[in-house]
Amino acid sequence: MLDIAPRLRVDVDPLMAAQHDLGVCNAFWRITPGGKVEAMSAPHLPKVAGIDPVVAGSPQTAAPVPARALPAAPPPAASGTLIQDRLAGMVSDLTTLHELTERLARAADLDSSLRELLRAGAALVGARRGLVVLEPTDGLGPAVTIGLGLGHADLGHIETVPRSATSYGRILDGLPDAHGGSEFLPEPDAVPGAGGYAAPVDPRHREVAARLGYAASYSLPLTAEATGRLGAAVWLYDEPAEPGDRQRDLIGLYVRHAAEHLARMLEVARARTRLAALSEELLPSRLPRVPGVQLAARHHTGPHGGGDWYDALPLPEGALGLAVGSVTGSGPGAVAAMGRMRASLRAYAVMEGEDPVAVLSDLELLLRLTEPARSATALFAYCEPAQRKILLAGAGHAPPLVVGDRRTEYVETSLSAPLGMLSCWEAPSVEIEPAAGETVLLYTDGLLRRTGDSMDRAYARLHAAAAGVPRSVREDPGALVDHVLHALLPDGPAAASAPAGPDGPDGLRGLGLGGLGLGGPDGLGGVPYEDIVLLAARFD
């Protein structure tokens, strides 16, 4: 019988096992019996039971490789863990980028987009402070600097540093060596940390860095495909540090996406600015001076360009015409329709201003003939300041509010459908006689909608805000209007109001940052806002 040991020893090739990453591998580099190793390894095996087992070796069979000649390979388990960790890191990075870009996409205007870029970038590079400088190369503006963890005074200090002494300044100037990166701000005779680059540090730069307490910075250009360079973003480190390779990859991907988003927001902001400027040009540049009455107006154009308007024009025999209105829709079409309505009403008021119903009837006919698909609301008041008498009529418009020391009440006007929706004229005129020192407040429904409440509650809030005006403020119609705005819209009275006074610089309305889309989000408290118009007339 065959003399074969019942036990076998199997040695698995660790290199092939690692390559396949399997628990079982059929690649064996040596199979030897548990006993009689020398006999089994001999080139000619002895005869067994009269059989010559000598078999010619195959020329294709290579000699066995000794185990010590194989290169060292990591255990299969360790290699698999390394791959899993790397995949988990990649998934985590992609998830982070997805979340940050989603947050950026929800930014409604240029200001909030710039702030979100700073916040997300600081989290990606591990910095606490930073700033973004928006300075488009086309020169059309706006030129804006926004800081993260930096106040206005801090930004002012940084702006005193020569631009050529900072990495982001070289980016803005388009210098050939400005490609972004880390910049260390060493003390004199100190050696900068590893990585990045250390530019020649201007003494003023070192002084400002010491005052603000940052030791290193990391800057990147903001460049979009359609618009070119938009500006630069820089993050400041409190200690000598710089982002690692993984952080650089992430912030590079994020900034490229953010630059394209900023380019779109920039175009939106510029369009809003042009629309707001057009709307302002179609409204009175200053209010008239009429004896016996003081006037003040506030107007703010919404982000999409609405059709709210107001007017005040002197009439023969010392009379005064006051009007407010609103055209349906938004955008350039609504702004153009608003301009036509205001110009037409001025003509009708000069011809037959003593009869407000006739003025609005003519406006109704004009709207039907020229704008059949559009409707509008309007209120016209014929005032005689010497007699303190007002004759007014409205078409679908909110009633005026009389504010004085003894009363704060809405004028009881007849209900009427808006212009363009009347089958015949439905509402007669109403005559009121404000007392000396009382103010008549005209407004559009955009002010009520801006509160975010139901119309009934908005009317109640407006009444409460007017009744709560301090006695000392009631003598100035401009201060009264500002107080009402602040009471109704505590988060944005400055952005919502564009003052128009009777003379001087106060008689002209400025756009401010709100006109560029840089005055905050498109709503206060999450409420999208429309045009706001208030026109106040205080009778002596």
Protein backbone atom coordinates (compact mmCIF):
# COMPACT_ATOMS: atom_id res chain seq x y z
CA MET A 1 0.00 0.00 0.00
CA LEU A 2 1.02 3.63 -0.51
CA ASP A 3 3.08 5.17 2.23
CA ILE A 4 1.43 8.66 2.28
CA ALA A 5 1.07 10.72 5.41
CA PRO A 6 -2.54 11.57 6.28
CA ARG A 7 -1.72 15.26 7.07
CA LEU A 8 -0.90 18.04 4.56
CA ARG A 9 0.48 21.53 5.17
CA VAL A 10 -0.86 24.31 2.89
CA ASP A 11 1.00 27.62 2.58
CA VAL A 12 -1.00 30.43 0.92
CA ASP A 13 0.72 33.08 -1.17
CA PRO A 14 0.10 36.26 0.90
CA LEU A 15 0.69 38.61 -2.05
CA MET A 16 -2.01 37.01 -4.19
CA ALA A 17 -4.33 36.83 -1.23
CA ALA A 18 -3.90 40.53 -0.66
CA GLN A 19 -4.58 41.26 -4.32
CA HIS A 20 -7.79 39.26 -4.35
CA ASP A 21 -8.75 40.34 -0.82
CA LEU A 22 -10.52 37.00 -0.29
CA GLY A 23 -10.72 34.81 2.78
CA VAL A 24 -9.88 31.71 0.70
CA CYS A 25 -7.34 31.69 -2.10
CA ASN A 26 -6.47 28.74 -4.38
CA ALA A 27 -3.03 30.09 -5.22
CA PHE A 28 -0.54 27.89 -3.45
CA TRP A 29 3.14 28.31 -3.81
CA ARG A 30 4.11 25.09 -2.00
CA ILE A 31 2.31 21.88 -0.96
CA THR A 32 4.29 19.49 1.16
CA PRO A 33 3.25 16.43 3.23
CA GLY A 34 3.39 16.62 6.97
CA GLY A 35 6.19 13.96 7.11
CA LYS A 36 9.07 12.65 5.00
CA VAL A 37 9.89 16.03 3.57
CA GLU A 38 13.28 15.01 2.26
CA ALA A 39 11.93 11.98 0.33
CA MET A 40 9.10 13.94 -1.24
CA SER A 41 11.47 16.74 -2.24
CA ALA A 42 14.04 14.44 -3.88
CA PRO A 43 14.39 14.71 -7.68
CA HIS A 44 13.72 10.93 -8.13
CA LEU A 45 11.22 9.26 -5.82
CA PRO A 46 11.94 5.67 -4.73
CA LYS A 47 10.05 2.79 -6.23
CA VAL A 48 6.85 1.80 -4.45
CA ALA A 49 5.28 -1.69 -4.94
CA GLY A 50 7.31 -2.31 -8.09
CA ILE A 51 6.11 0.87 -9.82
CA ASP A 52 8.63 3.36 -11.13
CA PRO A 53 7.08 6.71 -10.33
CA VAL A 54 9.67 8.74 -12.22
CA VAL A 55 7.85 11.30 -14.37
CA ALA A 56 9.56 13.76 -16.59
CA GLY A 57 9.18 17.34 -15.32
CA SER A 58 7.16 19.73 -17.40
CA PRO A 59 9.26 22.43 -19.02
CA GLN A 60 6.58 25.02 -18.24
CA THR A 61 6.72 24.36 -14.49
CA ALA A 62 8.83 26.91 -12.68
CA ALA A 63 10.89 26.04 -9.71
CA PRO A 64 9.22 26.82 -6.40
CA VAL A 65 10.07 30.27 -5.05
CA PRO A 66 11.32 30.33 -1.49
CA ALA A 67 9.04 32.17 0.91
CA ARG A 68 11.79 34.52 2.00
CA ALA A 69 12.19 35.79 -1.61
CA LEU A 70 8.62 37.23 -1.74
CA PRO A 71 8.16 40.92 -1.00
CA ALA A 72 6.51 41.78 2.26
CA ALA A 73 2.81 42.54 1.89
CA PRO A 74 0.32 43.89 4.38
CA PRO A 75 -2.18 41.48 5.83
CA PRO A 76 -5.39 41.26 3.83
CA ALA A 77 -7.46 42.67 6.67
CA ALA A 78 -5.24 45.74 7.02
CA SER A 79 -5.36 46.47 3.26
CA GLY A 80 -9.17 46.24 3.18
CA THR A 81 -9.48 48.53 6.17
CA LEU A 82 -7.28 51.10 4.46
CA ILE A 83 -9.46 51.07 1.32
CA GLN A 84 -12.63 51.33 3.37
CA ASP A 85 -11.26 54.29 5.33
CA ARG A 86 -10.31 56.05 2.13
CA LEU A 87 -13.74 55.48 0.59
CA ALA A 88 -15.41 56.65 3.79
CA GLY A 89 -13.34 59.83 3.71
CA MET A 90 -14.27 60.50 0.08
CA VAL A 91 -17.97 60.00 0.84
CA SER A 92 -17.69 62.33 3.82
CA ASP A 93 -16.02 65.02 1.71
CA LEU A 94 -18.67 64.76 -1.01
CA THR A 95 -21.43 64.95 1.60
CA THR A 96 -19.85 68.05 3.13
CA LEU A 97 -19.54 69.75 -0.26
CA HIS A 98 -23.13 68.86 -1.12
CA GLU A 99 -24.45 70.36 2.12
CA LEU A 100 -22.40 73.54 1.75
CA THR A 101 -23.37 74.10 -1.87
CA GLU A 102 -27.02 73.52 -0.99
CA ARG A 103 -26.78 76.19 1.70
CA LEU A 104 -25.16 78.55 -0.78
CA ALA A 105 -27.88 77.90 -3.35
CA ARG A 106 -30.51 78.97 -0.80
CA ALA A 107 -28.86 82.40 -0.43
CA ALA A 108 -31.31 84.86 -1.94
CA ASP A 109 -29.06 87.80 -2.71
CA LEU A 110 -25.45 88.85 -3.13
CA ASP A 111 -24.89 89.89 0.48
CA SER A 112 -26.08 86.61 1.98
CA SER A 113 -24.12 84.67 -0.66
CA LEU A 114 -20.87 86.41 0.27
CA ARG A 115 -21.45 85.77 3.96
CA GLU A 116 -22.24 82.10 3.34
CA LEU A 117 -19.04 81.78 1.29
CA LEU A 118 -17.00 83.17 4.17
CA ARG A 119 -18.67 80.96 6.77
CA ALA A 120 -18.36 77.74 4.77
CA GLY A 121 -14.78 78.51 3.71
CA ALA A 122 -13.73 79.12 7.30
CA ALA A 123 -15.14 75.73 8.29
CA LEU A 124 -13.31 73.99 5.43
CA VAL A 125 -9.86 75.51 6.03
CA GLY A 126 -10.10 75.56 9.82
CA ALA A 127 -9.96 79.34 10.28
CA ARG A 128 -11.95 81.57 12.58
CA ARG A 129 -11.95 84.88 10.70
CA GLY A 130 -11.82 86.08 7.16
CA LEU A 131 -12.97 88.60 4.60
CA VAL A 132 -14.14 88.64 1.01
CA VAL A 133 -13.47 91.53 -1.33
CA LEU A 134 -15.85 91.84 -4.29
CA GLU A 135 -14.28 93.93 -7.04
CA PRO A 136 -15.37 92.83 -10.53
CA THR A 137 -12.88 93.48 -13.30
CA ASP A 138 -15.50 95.06 -15.58
CA GLY A 139 -15.64 98.08 -13.28
CA LEU A 140 -19.43 98.09 -13.05
CA GLY A 141 -19.38 97.35 -9.33
CA PRO A 142 -20.36 96.99 -6.69
CA ALA A 143 -17.07 97.15 -4.75
CA VAL A 144 -17.85 95.52 -1.42
CA THR A 145 -15.77 94.19 1.48
CA ILE A 146 -17.46 91.86 3.98
CA GLY A 147 -15.77 90.41 7.05
CA LEU A 148 -16.27 87.31 9.18
CA GLY A 149 -15.36 87.90 12.80
CA LEU A 150 -14.09 91.36 11.83
CA GLY A 151 -15.79 94.63 12.65
CA HIS A 152 -15.87 97.76 10.54
CA ALA A 153 -12.84 99.14 12.39
CA ASP A 154 -10.90 95.91 11.74
CA LEU A 155 -11.69 96.08 8.03
CA GLY A 156 -10.61 99.70 8.05
CA HIS A 157 -7.25 98.74 9.54
CA ILE A 158 -6.74 96.05 6.91
CA GLU A 159 -7.56 98.48 4.12
CA THR A 160 -4.68 100.72 5.27
CA VAL A 161 -2.21 98.00 4.26
CA PRO A 162 -0.78 98.50 0.73
CA ARG A 163 -2.53 96.07 -1.60
CA SER A 164 0.74 94.79 -2.98
CA ALA A 165 1.72 93.64 0.53
CA THR A 166 -1.13 91.13 0.81
CA SER A 167 -1.81 87.98 -1.14
CA TYR A 168 -5.44 88.88 -1.88
CA GLY A 169 -4.36 92.38 -2.91
CA ARG A 170 -2.09 90.87 -5.54
CA ILE A 171 -5.00 88.74 -6.69
CA LEU A 172 -7.21 91.82 -7.08
CA ASP A 173 -4.50 93.65 -8.99
CA GLY A 174 -4.05 90.68 -11.32
CA LEU A 175 -0.32 90.29 -10.70
CA PRO A 176 1.25 87.24 -12.39
CA ASP A 177 2.45 85.70 -9.11
CA ALA A 178 -0.98 85.94 -7.48
CA HIS A 179 -2.59 82.52 -7.61
CA GLY A 180 -3.75 82.25 -4.02
CA GLY A 181 -2.23 80.22 -1.25
CA SER A 182 -0.91 80.45 2.27
CA GLU A 183 0.91 83.47 3.52
CA PHE A 184 2.78 83.64 6.81
CA LEU A 185 3.38 86.83 8.69
CA PRO A 186 6.54 86.10 10.68
CA GLU A 187 8.14 88.30 13.21
CA PRO A 188 11.39 89.96 12.09
CA ASP A 189 14.21 87.44 11.65
CA ALA A 190 11.77 84.54 12.10
CA VAL A 191 11.50 81.58 9.75
CA PRO A 192 8.03 80.92 8.32
CA GLY A 193 6.41 77.57 8.84
CA ALA A 194 6.53 74.73 6.36
CA GLY A 195 4.48 74.96 3.18
CA GLY A 196 2.87 77.90 1.47
CA TYR A 197 4.94 80.97 0.83
CA ALA A 198 6.12 83.96 2.82
CA ALA A 199 5.96 87.17 0.81
CA PRO A 200 7.99 90.21 1.78
CA VAL A 201 6.02 91.50 4.76
CA ASP A 202 5.35 95.22 4.69
CA PRO A 203 5.90 96.90 8.10
CA ARG A 204 2.37 98.24 8.00
CA HIS A 205 1.07 94.77 7.25
CA ARG A 206 2.95 93.33 10.21
CA GLU A 207 1.63 96.10 12.45
CA VAL A 208 -1.99 95.52 11.45
CA ALA A 209 -1.60 91.74 11.79
CA ALA A 210 -0.22 92.15 15.30
CA ARG A 211 -3.05 94.51 16.24
CA LEU A 212 -5.76 92.17 14.94
CA GLY A 213 -4.00 89.06 16.21
CA TYR A 214 -3.58 86.91 13.10
CA ALA A 215 -0.36 85.17 12.09
CA ALA A 216 -1.17 83.55 8.73
CA SER A 217 -3.69 83.77 5.94
CA TYR A 218 -5.00 81.63 3.11
CA SER A 219 -6.43 83.38 0.07
CA LEU A 220 -8.11 82.25 -3.14
CA PRO A 221 -9.29 84.18 -6.20
CA LEU A 222 -12.98 84.31 -7.07
CA THR A 223 -13.15 83.73 -10.81
CA ALA A 224 -16.21 82.86 -12.89
CA GLU A 225 -16.16 81.59 -16.44
CA ALA A 226 -18.52 84.24 -17.82
CA THR A 227 -17.37 87.32 -15.92
CA GLY A 228 -13.71 86.67 -15.16
CA ARG A 229 -12.24 87.73 -11.82
CA LEU A 230 -14.83 88.87 -9.30
CA GLY A 231 -12.61 89.39 -6.27
CA ALA A 232 -10.78 87.39 -3.65
CA ALA A 233 -11.53 85.55 -0.43
CA VAL A 234 -9.06 85.30 2.45
CA TRP A 235 -9.22 83.47 5.76
CA LEU A 236 -7.09 84.44 8.74
CA TYR A 237 -5.39 82.10 11.23
CA ASP A 238 -4.65 83.10 14.81
CA GLU A 239 -1.52 80.90 14.77
CA PRO A 240 1.01 80.09 12.03
CA ALA A 241 -0.94 77.44 10.12
CA GLU A 242 -2.18 76.49 6.69
CA PRO A 243 -4.75 74.03 5.30
CA GLY A 244 -3.66 70.51 4.44
CA ASP A 245 -3.85 68.91 1.01
CA ARG A 246 -7.31 67.50 1.63
CA GLN A 247 -8.60 70.87 2.87
CA ARG A 248 -7.10 72.63 -0.16
CA ASP A 249 -8.90 70.26 -2.51
CA LEU A 250 -12.22 70.82 -0.76
CA ILE A 251 -11.98 74.60 -0.56
CA GLY A 252 -10.84 74.76 -4.18
CA LEU A 253 -13.90 72.84 -5.36
CA TYR A 254 -16.22 74.88 -3.18
CA VAL A 255 -14.81 78.26 -4.22
CA ARG A 256 -15.09 77.39 -7.92
CA HIS A 257 -18.75 76.57 -7.43
CA ALA A 258 -19.31 79.64 -5.23
CA ALA A 259 -17.73 81.96 -7.82
CA GLU A 260 -20.25 80.87 -10.45
CA HIS A 261 -23.08 81.41 -7.96
CA LEU A 262 -21.73 84.86 -7.09
CA ALA A 263 -21.58 85.77 -10.78
CA ARG A 264 -25.29 84.98 -11.12
CA MET A 265 -26.16 86.89 -7.96
CA LEU A 266 -24.12 89.84 -9.20
CA GLU A 267 -26.13 90.01 -12.40
CA VAL A 268 -29.37 89.83 -10.39
CA ALA A 269 -28.19 92.60 -8.08
CA ARG A 270 -27.24 94.82 -11.01
CA ALA A 271 -30.61 94.22 -12.67
CA ARG A 272 -32.38 95.15 -9.44
CA THR A 273 -30.28 98.30 -9.16
CA ARG A 274 -31.15 99.39 -12.68
CA LEU A 275 -34.82 98.66 -12.10
CA ALA A 276 -34.86 100.54 -8.80
CA ALA A 277 -33.10 103.49 -10.41
CA LEU A 278 -35.67 103.55 -13.21
CA SER A 279 -38.49 103.42 -10.69
CA GLU A 280 -37.00 106.27 -8.68
CA GLU A 281 -36.59 108.40 -11.77
CA LEU A 282 -40.29 108.01 -12.56
CA LEU A 283 -41.26 109.38 -9.12
CA PRO A 284 -40.96 112.96 -7.84
CA SER A 285 -37.38 113.99 -7.16
CA ARG A 286 -38.60 116.44 -4.50
CA LEU A 287 -41.87 117.37 -2.87
CA PRO A 288 -43.49 120.79 -3.48
CA ARG A 289 -43.65 123.59 -0.94
CA VAL A 290 -47.25 124.64 -0.35
CA PRO A 291 -48.21 127.07 2.45
CA GLY A 292 -50.21 125.50 5.25
CA VAL A 293 -49.03 121.91 4.77
CA GLN A 294 -45.82 119.93 5.35
CA LEU A 295 -45.09 116.86 3.24
CA ALA A 296 -42.88 113.80 3.64
CA ALA A 297 -42.64 110.59 1.62
CA ARG A 298 -40.91 107.23 1.89
CA HIS A 299 -40.57 104.83 -1.01
CA HIS A 300 -38.72 101.55 -1.37
CA THR A 301 -38.70 99.42 -4.50
CA GLY A 302 -38.95 95.66 -3.96
CA PRO A 303 -36.38 93.24 -5.37
CA HIS A 304 -38.45 92.46 -8.45
CA GLY A 305 -39.48 96.02 -9.24
CA GLY A 306 -43.08 96.74 -8.35
CA GLY A 307 -45.56 99.33 -9.51
CA ASP A 308 -46.27 101.32 -6.32
CA TRP A 309 -46.08 105.08 -6.77
CA TYR A 310 -47.00 108.41 -5.21
CA ASP A 311 -47.26 112.02 -6.32
CA ALA A 312 -47.76 115.49 -4.91
CA LEU A 313 -48.32 118.43 -7.24
CA PRO A 314 -49.36 122.05 -6.67
CA LEU A 315 -52.63 123.07 -8.30
CA PRO A 316 -54.17 126.46 -9.08
CA GLU A 317 -55.45 128.73 -6.29
CA GLY A 318 -53.08 127.30 -3.70
CA ALA A 319 -54.52 123.77 -3.85
CA LEU A 320 -52.54 120.58 -3.63
CA GLY A 321 -53.08 117.20 -5.25
CA LEU A 322 -51.94 114.05 -3.43
CA ALA A 323 -52.02 110.60 -5.01
CA VAL A 324 -50.84 107.07 -4.26
CA GLY A 325 -51.39 103.95 -6.33
CA SER A 326 -50.24 100.50 -7.22
CA VAL A 327 -50.09 98.66 -10.54
CA THR A 328 -50.40 94.89 -10.61
CA GLY A 329 -47.39 92.80 -11.57
CA SER A 330 -43.67 93.30 -11.17
CA GLY A 331 -40.62 93.88 -13.29
CA PRO A 332 -39.91 96.43 -16.02
CA GLY A 333 -43.44 96.18 -17.42
CA ALA A 334 -45.02 97.14 -14.10
CA VAL A 335 -42.54 99.98 -13.62
CA ALA A 336 -43.31 101.35 -17.09
CA ALA A 337 -47.07 101.08 -16.48
CA MET A 338 -46.61 102.89 -13.18
CA GLY A 339 -44.85 105.75 -14.97
CA ARG A 340 -47.66 106.06 -17.50
CA MET A 341 -50.31 106.02 -14.77
CA ARG A 342 -48.60 108.72 -12.75
CA ALA A 343 -48.03 110.97 -15.77
CA SER A 344 -51.65 110.58 -16.87
CA LEU A 345 -53.01 111.30 -13.41
CA ARG A 346 -50.97 114.52 -13.23
CA ALA A 347 -52.58 115.69 -16.47
CA TYR A 348 -56.10 114.80 -15.31
CA ALA A 349 -55.49 116.46 -11.92
CA VAL A 350 -54.52 119.74 -13.57
CA MET A 351 -57.60 119.68 -15.77
CA GLU A 352 -60.24 118.58 -13.22
CA GLY A 353 -58.53 118.10 -9.88
CA GLU A 354 -61.45 119.58 -7.88
CA ASP A 355 -63.41 116.44 -8.76
CA PRO A 356 -61.37 113.39 -7.66
CA VAL A 357 -64.03 111.03 -9.03
CA ALA A 358 -63.63 112.50 -12.51
CA VAL A 359 -59.84 112.18 -12.26
CA LEU A 360 -60.06 108.48 -11.41
CA SER A 361 -62.77 107.90 -14.02
CA ASP A 362 -60.46 109.26 -16.71
CA LEU A 363 -57.68 107.06 -15.37
CA GLU A 364 -59.98 104.05 -15.51
CA LEU A 365 -60.82 104.72 -19.15
CA LEU A 366 -57.15 105.15 -20.04
CA LEU A 367 -56.22 101.89 -18.35
CA ARG A 368 -58.95 100.00 -20.18
CA LEU A 369 -57.78 101.29 -23.55
CA THR A 370 -54.01 101.05 -23.11
CA GLU A 371 -53.55 98.26 -20.55
CA PRO A 372 -56.54 95.90 -20.93
CA ALA A 373 -54.75 93.03 -19.20
CA ARG A 374 -53.65 95.07 -16.19
CA SER A 375 -55.45 96.46 -13.16
CA ALA A 376 -54.44 99.09 -10.62
CA THR A 377 -55.50 100.74 -7.41
CA ALA A 378 -55.35 104.49 -6.86
CA LEU A 379 -56.34 107.19 -4.40
CA PHE A 380 -56.47 110.88 -5.28
CA ALA A 381 -57.00 113.72 -2.79
CA TYR A 382 -57.71 117.37 -3.65
CA CYS A 383 -56.46 119.42 -0.71
CA GLU A 384 -57.13 123.06 0.22
CA PRO A 385 -54.56 123.72 2.96
CA ALA A 386 -55.91 127.21 3.80
CA GLN A 387 -59.32 125.75 4.73
CA ARG A 388 -57.83 122.43 5.91
CA LYS A 389 -60.23 120.57 3.65
CA ILE A 390 -59.60 117.37 1.70
CA LEU A 391 -61.83 115.83 -0.97
CA LEU A 392 -60.69 112.34 -1.91
CA ALA A 393 -61.76 109.29 -3.89
CA GLY A 394 -60.29 105.81 -4.12
CA ALA A 395 -60.50 102.81 -6.42
CA GLY A 396 -59.69 99.58 -4.62
CA HIS A 397 -57.14 101.36 -2.43
CA ALA A 398 -56.48 101.26 1.30
CA PRO A 399 -58.14 104.08 3.30
CA PRO A 400 -56.02 106.98 4.62
CA LEU A 401 -55.17 107.28 8.30
CA VAL A 402 -55.60 110.53 10.26
CA VAL A 403 -53.09 110.88 13.12
CA GLY A 404 -53.40 113.61 15.75
CA ASP A 405 -53.30 114.33 19.45
CA ARG A 406 -57.01 113.68 19.92
CA ARG A 407 -57.61 110.90 17.41
CA THR A 408 -56.02 108.22 15.28
CA GLU A 409 -58.56 106.77 12.90
CA TYR A 410 -59.06 105.51 9.37
CA VAL A 411 -61.07 107.61 6.93
CA GLU A 412 -64.35 105.90 6.10
CA THR A 413 -64.23 105.65 2.31
CA SER A 414 -66.68 103.75 0.13
CA LEU A 415 -65.58 100.35 -1.15
CA SER A 416 -64.71 100.18 -4.82
CA ALA A 417 -63.19 97.70 -7.24
CA PRO A 418 -59.72 98.47 -8.64
CA LEU A 419 -59.21 100.41 -11.86
CA GLY A 420 -59.62 98.22 -14.91
CA MET A 421 -62.24 96.08 -13.17
CA LEU A 422 -65.10 98.56 -12.86
CA SER A 423 -68.30 98.15 -14.86
CA CYS A 424 -69.23 101.68 -13.83
CA TRP A 425 -67.97 104.11 -11.25
CA GLU A 426 -69.11 102.81 -7.89
CA ALA A 427 -67.59 104.95 -5.12
CA PRO A 428 -68.36 108.62 -4.46
CA SER A 429 -65.84 111.07 -3.06
CA VAL A 430 -65.41 111.71 0.67
CA GLU A 431 -64.65 115.04 2.36
CA ILE A 432 -62.62 115.29 5.54
CA GLU A 433 -61.40 118.26 7.59
CA PRO A 434 -58.23 117.51 9.54
CA ALA A 435 -57.63 119.67 12.58
CA ALA A 436 -54.56 121.85 13.00
CA GLY A 437 -51.54 119.68 13.77
CA GLU A 438 -53.10 116.50 12.39
CA THR A 439 -51.36 114.38 9.75
CA VAL A 440 -53.07 112.47 6.95
CA LEU A 441 -51.11 109.33 6.07
CA LEU A 442 -51.53 107.77 2.61
CA TYR A 443 -49.89 104.40 1.88
CA THR A 444 -50.00 101.36 -0.40
CA ASP A 445 -50.93 97.84 0.57
CA GLY A 446 -47.30 96.76 0.15
CA LEU A 447 -46.67 98.20 3.61
CA LEU A 448 -49.40 96.00 5.06
CA ARG A 449 -48.21 92.86 3.27
CA ARG A 450 -44.67 93.52 4.42
CA THR A 451 -45.71 92.82 8.01
CA GLY A 452 -46.48 89.19 7.12
CA ASP A 453 -49.80 89.29 8.96
CA SER A 454 -53.33 88.96 7.70
CA MET A 455 -54.83 92.19 6.35
CA ASP A 456 -57.07 92.71 9.37
CA ARG A 457 -54.16 92.31 11.77
CA ALA A 458 -51.92 94.46 9.55
CA TYR A 459 -54.47 97.29 9.66
CA ALA A 460 -54.62 96.97 13.45
CA ARG A 461 -50.82 97.07 13.72
CA LEU A 462 -50.62 100.15 11.50
CA HIS A 463 -53.23 101.89 13.65
CA ALA A 464 -51.36 101.00 16.84
CA ALA A 465 -48.05 102.18 15.39
CA ALA A 466 -49.56 105.54 14.39
CA ALA A 467 -51.32 105.96 17.74
CA GLY A 468 -48.05 105.27 19.57
CA VAL A 469 -46.13 108.09 17.91
CA PRO A 470 -44.71 110.37 20.64
CA ARG A 471 -46.20 113.84 20.90
CA SER A 472 -42.86 115.49 20.13
CA VAL A 473 -42.49 113.51 16.90
CA ARG A 474 -45.93 114.38 15.52
CA GLU A 475 -44.83 117.87 14.56
CA ASP A 476 -42.48 116.48 11.91
CA PRO A 477 -44.19 114.35 9.22
CA GLY A 478 -40.86 112.76 8.22
CA ALA A 479 -40.14 111.66 11.79
CA LEU A 480 -43.72 110.40 12.11
CA VAL A 481 -43.39 108.24 8.99
CA ASP A 482 -40.04 106.87 10.18
CA HIS A 483 -41.52 105.98 13.56
CA VAL A 484 -44.41 104.13 11.92
CA LEU A 485 -42.01 102.23 9.66
CA HIS A 486 -39.80 101.26 12.58
CA ALA A 487 -42.78 100.09 14.61
CA LEU A 488 -44.16 97.96 11.77
CA LEU A 489 -40.81 96.72 10.41
CA PRO A 490 -38.35 96.70 13.32
CA ASP A 491 -35.80 94.63 11.38
CA GLY A 492 -35.48 96.93 8.43
CA PRO A 493 -36.72 100.50 8.66
CA ALA A 494 -33.44 101.88 7.29
CA ALA A 495 -33.43 99.52 4.32
CA ALA A 496 -37.13 100.00 3.72
CA SER A 497 -37.16 103.78 3.69
CA ALA A 498 -35.82 106.08 1.04
CA PRO A 499 -36.46 109.59 2.34
CA ALA A 500 -37.91 112.30 0.14
CA GLY A 501 -38.17 115.73 1.63
CA PRO A 502 -39.09 119.12 0.23
CA ASP A 503 -35.61 120.52 -0.30
CA GLY A 504 -31.89 119.87 -0.18
CA PRO A 505 -30.22 116.44 -0.31
CA ASP A 506 -33.04 115.00 1.79
CA GLY A 507 -35.36 115.67 -1.10
CA LEU A 508 -33.57 113.07 -3.24
CA ARG A 509 -33.81 109.36 -2.66
CA GLY A 510 -30.68 107.25 -2.55
CA LEU A 511 -30.61 103.55 -3.35
CA GLY A 512 -28.13 102.55 -0.68
CA LEU A 513 -27.01 98.97 -0.28
CA GLY A 514 -30.57 97.71 -0.51
CA GLY A 515 -30.70 98.75 -4.15
CA LEU A 516 -27.69 96.56 -4.91
CA GLY A 517 -29.16 93.54 -3.18
CA LEU A 518 -26.70 94.09 -0.32
CA GLY A 519 -29.11 95.21 2.33
CA GLY A 520 -30.03 91.79 3.67
CA PRO A 521 -32.27 88.96 2.49
CA ASP A 522 -35.31 89.43 0.31
CA GLY A 523 -37.59 89.43 3.27
CA LEU A 524 -37.82 90.46 6.88
CA GLY A 525 -38.60 87.55 9.14
CA GLY A 526 -38.88 85.29 6.11
CA VAL A 527 -41.58 87.44 4.43
CA PRO A 528 -40.83 88.47 0.82
CA TYR A 529 -41.34 92.20 0.51
CA GLU A 530 -43.03 94.35 -2.09
CA ASP A 531 -42.85 98.07 -2.79
CA ILE A 532 -43.47 100.37 0.15
CA VAL A 533 -44.99 103.84 -0.23
CA LEU A 534 -45.97 106.29 2.51
CA LEU A 535 -47.02 109.88 1.89
CA ALA A 536 -47.72 112.11 4.91
CA ALA A 537 -49.32 115.57 4.88
CA ARG A 538 -49.36 117.57 8.14
CA PHE A 539 -51.71 120.55 8.24
CA ASP A 540 -50.70 123.65 10.19
